[in-house]
């Protein structure tokens, strides 16, 4: 039962945070004239990576699940994922200007 509750918690965390955090780049890029329907998927992928790092390093320790696999990501992996997410978040303007 705890595993099911934790799975539902993960789904809600990702859905709510992706909606809230994903709306920020979408609004910014729409205001400066970048086609978010064409390149917005890269920003959303970056948002999902950031949420994953946040969950693995902070949020998983406050849930219902108390079994195996509850450990933080290694620092090198966290830094790599965060840098990748930042590059993905900044890529829609770059793609827009180089491809168009």
PDB file of N, CA and C in Angstrom:
ATOM      1  N   UNK A   1       0.814  -1.194   0.000  1.00  0.00           N
ATOM      2  CA  UNK A   1       0.000   0.000   0.000  1.00  0.00           C
ATOM      3  C   UNK A   1       0.861   1.263   0.000  1.00  0.00           C
ATOM      4  N   UNK A   2       1.976   1.214   0.756  1.00  0.00           N
ATOM      5  CA  UNK A   2       2.869   2.376   0.806  1.00  0.00           C
ATOM      6  C   UNK A   2       3.481   2.665  -0.561  1.00  0.00           C
ATOM      7  N   UNK A   3       3.785   1.604  -1.310  1.00  0.00           N
ATOM      8  CA  UNK A   3       4.381   1.788  -2.632  1.00  0.00           C
ATOM      9  C   UNK A   3       3.379   2.473  -3.558  1.00  0.00           C
ATOM     10  N   UNK A   4       2.124   2.067  -3.491  1.00  0.00           N
ATOM     11  CA  UNK A   4       1.082   2.683  -4.321  1.00  0.00           C
ATOM     12  C   UNK A   4       0.878   4.151  -3.944  1.00  0.00           C
ATOM     13  N   UNK A   5       0.853   4.447  -2.658  1.00  0.00           N
ATOM     14  CA  UNK A   5       0.721   5.834  -2.217  1.00  0.00           C
ATOM     15  C   UNK A   5       1.912   6.677  -2.671  1.00  0.00           C
ATOM     16  N   UNK A   6       3.104   6.115  -2.611  1.00  0.00           N
ATOM     17  CA  UNK A   6       4.288   6.852  -3.050  1.00  0.00           C
ATOM     18  C   UNK A   6       4.268   7.065  -4.564  1.00  0.00           C
ATOM     19  N   UNK A   7       3.787   6.082  -5.304  1.00  0.00           N
ATOM     20  CA  UNK A   7       3.678   6.234  -6.748  1.00  0.00           C
ATOM     21  C   UNK A   7       2.685   7.338  -7.109  1.00  0.00           C
ATOM     22  N   UNK A   8       1.561   7.379  -6.438  1.00  0.00           N
ATOM     23  CA  UNK A   8       0.592   8.462  -6.650  1.00  0.00           C
ATOM     24  C   UNK A   8       1.185   9.816  -6.265  1.00  0.00           C
ATOM     25  N   UNK A   9       1.944   9.841  -5.202  1.00  0.00           N
ATOM     26  CA  UNK A   9       2.601  11.077  -4.768  1.00  0.00           C
ATOM     27  C   UNK A   9       3.594  11.563  -5.820  1.00  0.00           C
ATOM     28  N   UNK A  10       4.357  10.638  -6.390  1.00  0.00           N
ATOM     29  CA  UNK A  10       5.313  10.998  -7.440  1.00  0.00           C
ATOM     30  C   UNK A  10       4.584  11.570  -8.653  1.00  0.00           C
ATOM     31  N   UNK A  11       3.502  10.945  -9.052  1.00  0.00           N
ATOM     32  CA  UNK A  11       2.737  11.420 -10.207  1.00  0.00           C
ATOM     33  C   UNK A  11       2.207  12.825  -9.947  1.00  0.00           C
ATOM     34  N   UNK A  12       1.659  13.065  -8.775  1.00  0.00           N
ATOM     35  CA  UNK A  12       1.143  14.399  -8.454  1.00  0.00           C
ATOM     36  C   UNK A  12       2.263  15.434  -8.372  1.00  0.00           C
ATOM     37  N   UNK A  13       3.384  15.069  -7.786  1.00  0.00           N
ATOM     38  CA  UNK A  13       4.515  16.002  -7.696  1.00  0.00           C
ATOM     39  C   UNK A  13       4.980  16.392  -9.086  1.00  0.00           C
ATOM     40  N   UNK A  14       5.186  15.403  -9.956  1.00  0.00           N
ATOM     41  CA  UNK A  14       5.652  15.709 -11.304  1.00  0.00           C
ATOM     42  C   UNK A  14       4.614  16.511 -12.082  1.00  0.00           C
ATOM     43  N   UNK A  15       3.335  16.171 -11.953  1.00  0.00           N
ATOM     44  CA  UNK A  15       2.307  16.889 -12.701  1.00  0.00           C
ATOM     45  C   UNK A  15       2.186  18.340 -12.235  1.00  0.00           C
ATOM     46  N   UNK A  16       2.139  18.552 -10.939  1.00  0.00           N
ATOM     47  CA  UNK A  16       1.959  19.910 -10.415  1.00  0.00           C
ATOM     48  C   UNK A  16       3.201  20.758 -10.668  1.00  0.00           C
ATOM     49  N   UNK A  17       4.375  20.234 -10.339  1.00  0.00           N
ATOM     50  CA  UNK A  17       5.592  21.018 -10.543  1.00  0.00           C
ATOM     51  C   UNK A  17       5.885  21.259 -12.023  1.00  0.00           C
ATOM     52  N   UNK A  18       5.617  20.275 -12.876  1.00  0.00           N
ATOM     53  CA  UNK A  18       5.843  20.460 -14.312  1.00  0.00           C
ATOM     54  C   UNK A  18       4.901  21.532 -14.867  1.00  0.00           C
ATOM     55  N   UNK A  19       3.676  21.568 -14.376  1.00  0.00           N
ATOM     56  CA  UNK A  19       2.746  22.597 -14.828  1.00  0.00           C
ATOM     57  C   UNK A  19       3.180  23.974 -14.360  1.00  0.00           C
ATOM     58  N   UNK A  20       3.563  24.082 -13.098  1.00  0.00           N
ATOM     59  CA  UNK A  20       3.962  25.381 -12.558  1.00  0.00           C
ATOM     60  C   UNK A  20       5.293  25.861 -13.126  1.00  0.00           C
ATOM     61  N   UNK A  21       6.306  25.011 -13.058  1.00  0.00           N
ATOM     62  CA  UNK A  21       7.639  25.412 -13.507  1.00  0.00           C
ATOM     63  C   UNK A  21       7.705  25.470 -15.032  1.00  0.00           C
ATOM     64  N   UNK A  22       6.993  24.585 -15.717  1.00  0.00           N
ATOM     65  CA  UNK A  22       7.013  24.573 -17.172  1.00  0.00           C
ATOM     66  C   UNK A  22       6.308  25.768 -17.800  1.00  0.00           C
ATOM     67  N   UNK A  23       5.408  26.391 -17.060  1.00  0.00           N
ATOM     68  CA  UNK A  23       4.723  27.567 -17.585  1.00  0.00           C
ATOM     69  C   UNK A  23       5.611  28.792 -17.658  1.00  0.00           C
ATOM     70  N   UNK A  24       6.636  28.839 -16.837  1.00  0.00           N
ATOM     71  CA  UNK A  24       7.522  30.011 -16.810  1.00  0.00           C
ATOM     72  C   UNK A  24       8.305  30.152 -18.120  1.00  0.00           C
ATOM     73  N   UNK A  25       9.046  29.117 -18.564  1.00  0.00           N
ATOM     74  CA  UNK A  25       9.749  29.276 -19.842  1.00  0.00           C
ATOM     75  C   UNK A  25       8.789  29.463 -21.016  1.00  0.00           C
ATOM     76  N   UNK A  26       7.652  28.784 -20.960  1.00  0.00           N
ATOM     77  CA  UNK A  26       6.665  28.924 -22.035  1.00  0.00           C
ATOM     78  C   UNK A  26       6.196  30.373 -22.154  1.00  0.00           C
ATOM     79  N   UNK A  27       5.900  31.000 -21.032  1.00  0.00           N
ATOM     80  CA  UNK A  27       5.453  32.400 -21.047  1.00  0.00           C
ATOM     81  C   UNK A  27       6.563  33.337 -21.514  1.00  0.00           C
ATOM     82  N   UNK A  28       7.772  33.110 -21.046  1.00  0.00           N
ATOM     83  CA  UNK A  28       8.899  33.962 -21.439  1.00  0.00           C
ATOM     84  C   UNK A  28       9.166  33.833 -22.934  1.00  0.00           C
ATOM     85  N   UNK A  29       9.220  32.608 -23.431  1.00  0.00           N
ATOM     86  CA  UNK A  29       9.518  32.407 -24.844  1.00  0.00           C
ATOM     87  C   UNK A  29       8.386  32.896 -25.738  1.00  0.00           C
ATOM     88  N   UNK A  30       7.164  32.777 -25.288  1.00  0.00           N
ATOM     89  CA  UNK A  30       6.042  33.309 -26.069  1.00  0.00           C
ATOM     90  C   UNK A  30       6.106  34.825 -26.151  1.00  0.00           C
ATOM     91  N   UNK A  31       6.494  35.475 -25.069  1.00  0.00           N
ATOM     92  CA  UNK A  31       6.576  36.946 -25.067  1.00  0.00           C
ATOM     93  C   UNK A  31       7.678  37.476 -25.967  1.00  0.00           C
ATOM     94  N   UNK A  32       8.758  36.728 -26.140  1.00  0.00           N
ATOM     95  CA  UNK A  32       9.832  37.229 -27.001  1.00  0.00           C
ATOM     96  C   UNK A  32       9.720  36.699 -28.434  1.00  0.00           C
ATOM     97  N   UNK A  33       8.653  35.995 -28.745  1.00  0.00           N
ATOM     98  CA  UNK A  33       8.361  35.606 -30.119  1.00  0.00           C
ATOM     99  C   UNK A  33       8.956  34.302 -30.582  1.00  0.00           C
ATOM    100  N   UNK A  34       9.245  33.401 -29.675  1.00  0.00           N
ATOM    101  CA  UNK A  34       9.786  32.089 -30.038  1.00  0.00           C
ATOM    102  C   UNK A  34       8.636  31.097 -30.091  1.00  0.00           C
ATOM    103  N   UNK A  35       8.616  30.279 -31.139  1.00  0.00           N
ATOM    104  CA  UNK A  35       7.540  29.304 -31.326  1.00  0.00           C
ATOM    105  C   UNK A  35       7.677  28.167 -30.316  1.00  0.00           C
ATOM    106  N   UNK A  36       6.883  28.235 -29.264  1.00  0.00           N
ATOM    107  CA  UNK A  36       6.985  27.200 -28.228  1.00  0.00           C
ATOM    108  C   UNK A  36       6.373  25.882 -28.676  1.00  0.00           C
ATOM    109  N   UNK A  37       5.486  25.905 -29.689  1.00  0.00           N
ATOM    110  CA  UNK A  37       4.952  24.632 -30.147  1.00  0.00           C
ATOM    111  C   UNK A  37       6.004  23.844 -30.905  1.00  0.00           C
ATOM    112  N   UNK A  38       6.998  24.537 -31.445  1.00  0.00           N
ATOM    113  CA  UNK A  38       8.031  23.875 -32.227  1.00  0.00           C
ATOM    114  C   UNK A  38       9.234  23.463 -31.368  1.00  0.00           C
ATOM    115  N   UNK A  39       9.657  24.327 -30.453  1.00  0.00           N
ATOM    116  CA  UNK A  39      10.874  24.071 -29.684  1.00  0.00           C
ATOM    117  C   UNK A  39      10.639  23.960 -28.171  1.00  0.00           C
ATOM    118  N   UNK A  40       9.405  24.071 -27.730  1.00  0.00           N
ATOM    119  CA  UNK A  40       9.112  24.062 -26.301  1.00  0.00           C
ATOM    120  C   UNK A  40       9.351  22.731 -25.623  1.00  0.00           C
ATOM    121  N   UNK A  41       9.394  21.662 -26.410  1.00  0.00           N
ATOM    122  CA  UNK A  41       9.611  20.345 -25.807  1.00  0.00           C
ATOM    123  C   UNK A  41      10.980  20.248 -25.146  1.00  0.00           C
ATOM    124  N   UNK A  42      11.963  20.983 -25.666  1.00  0.00           N
ATOM    125  CA  UNK A  42      13.285  20.918 -25.043  1.00  0.00           C
ATOM    126  C   UNK A  42      13.261  21.557 -23.659  1.00  0.00           C
ATOM    127  N   UNK A  43      12.522  22.662 -23.532  1.00  0.00           N
ATOM    128  CA  UNK A  43      12.407  23.309 -22.224  1.00  0.00           C
ATOM    129  C   UNK A  43      11.658  22.407 -21.237  1.00  0.00           C
ATOM    130  N   UNK A  44      10.613  21.739 -21.695  1.00  0.00           N
ATOM    131  CA  UNK A  44       9.872  20.846 -20.799  1.00  0.00           C
ATOM    132  C   UNK A  44      10.723  19.649 -20.378  1.00  0.00           C
ATOM    133  N   UNK A  45      11.560  19.163 -21.272  1.00  0.00           N
ATOM    134  CA  UNK A  45      12.463  18.083 -20.904  1.00  0.00           C
ATOM    135  C   UNK A  45      13.436  18.543 -19.818  1.00  0.00           C
ATOM    136  N   UNK A  46      13.919  19.773 -19.946  1.00  0.00           N
ATOM    137  CA  UNK A  46      14.774  20.342 -18.911  1.00  0.00           C
ATOM    138  C   UNK A  46      14.056  20.481 -17.580  1.00  0.00           C
ATOM    139  N   UNK A  47      12.784  20.870 -17.625  1.00  0.00           N
ATOM    140  CA  UNK A  47      11.978  20.984 -16.400  1.00  0.00           C
ATOM    141  C   UNK A  47      11.820  19.617 -15.744  1.00  0.00           C
ATOM    142  N   UNK A  48      11.540  18.588 -16.544  1.00  0.00           N
ATOM    143  CA  UNK A  48      11.389  17.248 -15.978  1.00  0.00           C
ATOM    144  C   UNK A  48      12.695  16.741 -15.359  1.00  0.00           C
ATOM    145  N   UNK A  49      13.818  17.064 -15.964  1.00  0.00           N
ATOM    146  CA  UNK A  49      15.102  16.659 -15.382  1.00  0.00           C
ATOM    147  C   UNK A  49      15.327  17.365 -14.048  1.00  0.00           C
ATOM    148  N   UNK A  50      15.014  18.659 -13.986  1.00  0.00           N
ATOM    149  CA  UNK A  50      15.153  19.386 -12.718  1.00  0.00           C
ATOM    150  C   UNK A  50      14.251  18.811 -11.631  1.00  0.00           C
ATOM    151  N   UNK A  51      13.031  18.471 -11.987  1.00  0.00           N
ATOM    152  CA  UNK A  51      12.107  17.882 -11.007  1.00  0.00           C
ATOM    153  C   UNK A  51      12.623  16.520 -10.545  1.00  0.00           C
ATOM    154  N   UNK A  52      13.184  15.740 -11.470  1.00  0.00           N
ATOM    155  CA  UNK A  52      13.748  14.444 -11.103  1.00  0.00           C
ATOM    156  C   UNK A  52      14.874  14.599 -10.087  1.00  0.00           C
ATOM    157  N   UNK A  53      15.780  15.540 -10.338  1.00  0.00           N
ATOM    158  CA  UNK A  53      16.897  15.774  -9.411  1.00  0.00           C
ATOM    159  C   UNK A  53      16.361  16.243  -8.054  1.00  0.00           C
ATOM    160  N   UNK A  54      15.383  17.143  -8.070  1.00  0.00           N
ATOM    161  CA  UNK A  54      14.776  17.613  -6.827  1.00  0.00           C
ATOM    162  C   UNK A  54      14.140  16.462  -6.060  1.00  0.00           C
ATOM    163  N   UNK A  55      13.422  15.586  -6.753  1.00  0.00           N
ATOM    164  CA  UNK A  55      12.780  14.462  -6.088  1.00  0.00           C
ATOM    165  C   UNK A  55      13.814  13.514  -5.488  1.00  0.00           C
ATOM    166  N   UNK A  56      14.817  13.152  -6.291  1.00  0.00           N
ATOM    167  CA  UNK A  56      15.804  12.183  -5.803  1.00  0.00           C
ATOM    168  C   UNK A  56      16.665  12.718  -4.678  1.00  0.00           C
ATOM    169  N   UNK A  57      16.892  14.021  -4.637  1.00  0.00           N
ATOM    170  CA  UNK A  57      17.778  14.565  -3.608  1.00  0.00           C
ATOM    171  C   UNK A  57      17.039  15.100  -2.388  1.00  0.00           C
ATOM    172  N   UNK A  58      15.765  15.428  -2.496  1.00  0.00           N
ATOM    173  CA  UNK A  58      15.040  16.012  -1.361  1.00  0.00           C
ATOM    174  C   UNK A  58      13.707  15.323  -1.080  1.00  0.00           C
ATOM    175  N   UNK A  59      12.839  15.277  -2.068  1.00  0.00           N
ATOM    176  CA  UNK A  59      11.444  14.912  -1.833  1.00  0.00           C
ATOM    177  C   UNK A  59      11.214  13.432  -1.527  1.00  0.00           C
ATOM    178  N   UNK A  60      12.094  12.549  -1.965  1.00  0.00           N
ATOM    179  CA  UNK A  60      11.861  11.122  -1.722  1.00  0.00           C
ATOM    180  C   UNK A  60      11.971  10.752  -0.247  1.00  0.00           C
ATOM    181  N   UNK A  61      12.617  11.594   0.524  1.00  0.00           N
ATOM    182  CA  UNK A  61      12.819  11.280   1.940  1.00  0.00           C
ATOM    183  C   UNK A  61      11.658  11.706   2.821  1.00  0.00           C
ATOM    184  N   UNK A  62      10.664  12.372   2.234  1.00  0.00           N
ATOM    185  CA  UNK A  62       9.515  12.816   3.017  1.00  0.00           C
ATOM    186  C   UNK A  62       8.250  12.052   2.655  1.00  0.00           C
ATOM    187  N   UNK A  63       8.370  10.950   1.925  1.00  0.00           N
ATOM    188  CA  UNK A  63       7.207  10.205   1.474  1.00  0.00           C
ATOM    189  C   UNK A  63       6.879   9.018   2.349  1.00  0.00           C
ATOM    190  N   UNK A  64       6.011   8.148   1.810  1.00  0.00           N
ATOM    191  CA  UNK A  64       5.558   6.986   2.553  1.00  0.00           C
ATOM    192  C   UNK A  64       6.474   5.784   2.389  1.00  0.00           C
ATOM    193  N   UNK A  65       7.183   5.722   1.289  1.00  0.00           N
ATOM    194  CA  UNK A  65       8.008   4.549   1.016  1.00  0.00           C
ATOM    195  C   UNK A  65       9.270   4.572   1.869  1.00  0.00           C
ATOM    196  N   UNK A  66       9.572   3.426   2.476  1.00  0.00           N
ATOM    197  CA  UNK A  66      10.744   3.343   3.338  1.00  0.00           C
ATOM    198  C   UNK A  66      11.610   2.136   3.005  1.00  0.00           C
ATOM    199  N   UNK A  67      11.542   1.656   1.764  1.00  0.00           N
ATOM    200  CA  UNK A  67      12.296   0.461   1.372  1.00  0.00           C
ATOM    201  C   UNK A  67      13.665   0.785   0.818  1.00  0.00           C
ATOM    202  N   UNK A  68      14.160  -0.127  -0.026  1.00  0.00           N
ATOM    203  CA  UNK A  68      15.487   0.006  -0.621  1.00  0.00           C
ATOM    204  C   UNK A  68      15.505   1.142  -1.638  1.00  0.00           C
ATOM    205  N   UNK A  69      16.704   1.578  -1.974  1.00  0.00           N
ATOM    206  CA  UNK A  69      16.881   2.550  -3.041  1.00  0.00           C
ATOM    207  C   UNK A  69      16.657   3.996  -2.657  1.00  0.00           C
ATOM    208  N   UNK A  70      16.539   4.274  -1.383  1.00  0.00           N
ATOM    209  CA  UNK A  70      16.327   5.656  -0.937  1.00  0.00           C
ATOM    210  C   UNK A  70      17.668   6.294  -0.632  1.00  0.00           C
ATOM    211  N   UNK A  71      18.316   6.771  -1.664  1.00  0.00           N
ATOM    212  CA  UNK A  71      19.585   7.464  -1.469  1.00  0.00           C
ATOM    213  C   UNK A  71      19.673   8.596  -2.477  1.00  0.00           C
ATOM    214  N   UNK A  72      20.443   9.603  -2.113  1.00  0.00           N
ATOM    215  CA  UNK A  72      20.611  10.757  -2.985  1.00  0.00           C
ATOM    216  C   UNK A  72      21.411  10.383  -4.220  1.00  0.00           C
ATOM    217  N   UNK A  73      21.235  11.183  -5.264  1.00  0.00           N
ATOM    218  CA  UNK A  73      22.070  11.021  -6.446  1.00  0.00           C
ATOM    219  C   UNK A  73      23.495  11.445  -6.099  1.00  0.00           C
ATOM    220  N   UNK A  74      24.486  10.824  -6.712  1.00  0.00           N
ATOM    221  CA  UNK A  74      25.859  11.295  -6.500  1.00  0.00           C
ATOM    222  C   UNK A  74      26.000  12.751  -6.981  1.00  0.00           C
ATOM    223  N   UNK A  75      26.903  13.484  -6.375  1.00  0.00           N
ATOM    224  CA  UNK A  75      27.066  14.913  -6.678  1.00  0.00           C
ATOM    225  C   UNK A  75      27.395  15.129  -8.146  1.00  0.00           C
ATOM    226  N   UNK A  76      28.259  14.291  -8.709  1.00  0.00           N
ATOM    227  CA  UNK A  76      28.635  14.447 -10.119  1.00  0.00           C
ATOM    228  C   UNK A  76      27.429  14.242 -11.033  1.00  0.00           C
ATOM    229  N   UNK A  77      26.584  13.271 -10.706  1.00  0.00           N
ATOM    230  CA  UNK A  77      25.387  13.018 -11.511  1.00  0.00           C
ATOM    231  C   UNK A  77      24.412  14.179 -11.379  1.00  0.00           C
ATOM    232  N   UNK A  78      24.236  14.679 -10.164  1.00  0.00           N
ATOM    233  CA  UNK A  78      23.340  15.818  -9.955  1.00  0.00           C
ATOM    234  C   UNK A  78      23.803  17.032 -10.743  1.00  0.00           C
ATOM    235  N   UNK A  79      25.092  17.335 -10.687  1.00  0.00           N
ATOM    236  CA  UNK A  79      25.617  18.492 -11.423  1.00  0.00           C
ATOM    237  C   UNK A  79      25.451  18.312 -12.922  1.00  0.00           C
ATOM    238  N   UNK A  80      25.726  17.118 -13.415  1.00  0.00           N
ATOM    239  CA  UNK A  80      25.580  16.849 -14.845  1.00  0.00           C
ATOM    240  C   UNK A  80      24.136  17.009 -15.287  1.00  0.00           C
ATOM    241  N   UNK A  81      23.212  16.473 -14.515  1.00  0.00           N
ATOM    242  CA  UNK A  81      21.799  16.583 -14.863  1.00  0.00           C
ATOM    243  C   UNK A  81      21.313  18.032 -14.795  1.00  0.00           C
ATOM    244  N   UNK A  82      21.749  18.784 -13.813  1.00  0.00           N
ATOM    245  CA  UNK A  82      21.337  20.186 -13.691  1.00  0.00           C
ATOM    246  C   UNK A  82      21.893  21.011 -14.852  1.00  0.00           C
ATOM    247  N   UNK A  83      23.141  20.788 -15.216  1.00  0.00           N
ATOM    248  CA  UNK A  83      23.718  21.507 -16.358  1.00  0.00           C
ATOM    249  C   UNK A  83      22.988  21.138 -17.643  1.00  0.00           C
ATOM    250  N   UNK A  84      22.676  19.856 -17.811  1.00  0.00           N
ATOM    251  CA  UNK A  84      21.911  19.423 -18.989  1.00  0.00           C
ATOM    252  C   UNK A  84      20.540  20.078 -19.022  1.00  0.00           C
ATOM    253  N   UNK A  85      19.892  20.174 -17.869  1.00  0.00           N
ATOM    254  CA  UNK A  85      18.567  20.797 -17.805  1.00  0.00           C
ATOM    255  C   UNK A  85      18.643  22.281 -18.153  1.00  0.00           C
ATOM    256  N   UNK A  86      19.676  22.956 -17.683  1.00  0.00           N
ATOM    257  CA  UNK A  86      19.834  24.378 -17.998  1.00  0.00           C
ATOM    258  C   UNK A  86      20.068  24.571 -19.489  1.00  0.00           C
ATOM    259  N   UNK A  87      20.894  23.725 -20.080  1.00  0.00           N
ATOM    260  CA  UNK A  87      21.131  23.795 -21.528  1.00  0.00           C
ATOM    261  C   UNK A  87      19.820  23.560 -22.288  1.00  0.00           C
ATOM    262  N   UNK A  88      19.039  22.579 -21.849  1.00  0.00           N
ATOM    263  CA  UNK A  88      17.755  22.321 -22.497  1.00  0.00           C
ATOM    264  C   UNK A  88      16.782  23.478 -22.317  1.00  0.00           C
ATOM    265  N   UNK A  89      16.783  24.111 -21.148  1.00  0.00           N
ATOM    266  CA  UNK A  89      15.904  25.250 -20.918  1.00  0.00           C
ATOM    267  C   UNK A  89      16.285  26.452 -21.776  1.00  0.00           C
ATOM    268  N   UNK A  90      17.561  26.600 -22.068  1.00  0.00           N
ATOM    269  CA  UNK A  90      18.022  27.725 -22.881  1.00  0.00           C
ATOM    270  C   UNK A  90      18.062  27.421 -24.374  1.00  0.00           C
ATOM    271  N   UNK A  91      17.798  26.197 -24.776  1.00  0.00           N
ATOM    272  CA  UNK A  91      17.920  25.825 -26.178  1.00  0.00           C
ATOM    273  C   UNK A  91      16.804  26.335 -27.100  1.00  0.00           C
ATOM    274  N   UNK A  92      15.561  26.558 -26.673  1.00  0.00           N
ATOM    275  CA  UNK A  92      14.566  27.055 -27.628  1.00  0.00           C
ATOM    276  C   UNK A  92      14.943  28.362 -28.328  1.00  0.00           C
ATOM    277  N   UNK A  93      15.475  29.383 -27.627  1.00  0.00           N
ATOM    278  CA  UNK A  93      15.877  30.580 -28.380  1.00  0.00           C
ATOM    279  C   UNK A  93      17.026  30.314 -29.339  1.00  0.00           C
ATOM    280  N   UNK A  94      17.954  29.466 -28.927  1.00  0.00           N
ATOM    281  CA  UNK A  94      19.093  29.143 -29.786  1.00  0.00           C
ATOM    282  C   UNK A  94      18.617  28.412 -31.022  1.00  0.00           C
ATOM    283  N   UNK A  95      17.764  27.402 -30.853  1.00  0.00           N
ATOM    284  CA  UNK A  95      17.221  26.685 -31.992  1.00  0.00           C
ATOM    285  C   UNK A  95      16.403  27.580 -32.900  1.00  0.00           C
ATOM    286  N   UNK A  96      15.637  28.470 -32.306  1.00  0.00           N
ATOM    287  CA  UNK A  96      14.799  29.391 -33.085  1.00  0.00           C
ATOM    288  C   UNK A  96      15.649  30.290 -33.979  1.00  0.00           C
ATOM    289  N   UNK A  97      16.713  30.827 -33.446  1.00  0.00           N
ATOM    290  CA  UNK A  97      17.514  31.769 -34.214  1.00  0.00           C
ATOM    291  C   UNK A  97      18.435  31.065 -35.221  1.00  0.00           C
ATOM    292  N   UNK A  98      18.905  29.863 -34.915  1.00  0.00           N
ATOM    293  CA  UNK A  98      19.787  29.181 -35.846  1.00  0.00           C
ATOM    294  C   UNK A  98      19.031  28.442 -36.948  1.00  0.00           C
ATOM    295  N   UNK A  99      17.882  27.878 -36.644  1.00  0.00           N
ATOM    296  CA  UNK A  99      17.131  27.113 -37.640  1.00  0.00           C
ATOM    297  C   UNK A  99      16.300  28.026 -38.535  1.00  0.00           C
ATOM    298  N   UNK A 100      15.773  29.097 -37.989  1.00  0.00           N
ATOM    299  CA  UNK A 100      14.963  30.000 -38.827  1.00  0.00           C
ATOM    300  C   UNK A 100      15.814  30.949 -39.518  1.00  0.00           C
TER     301      UNK A 100
END
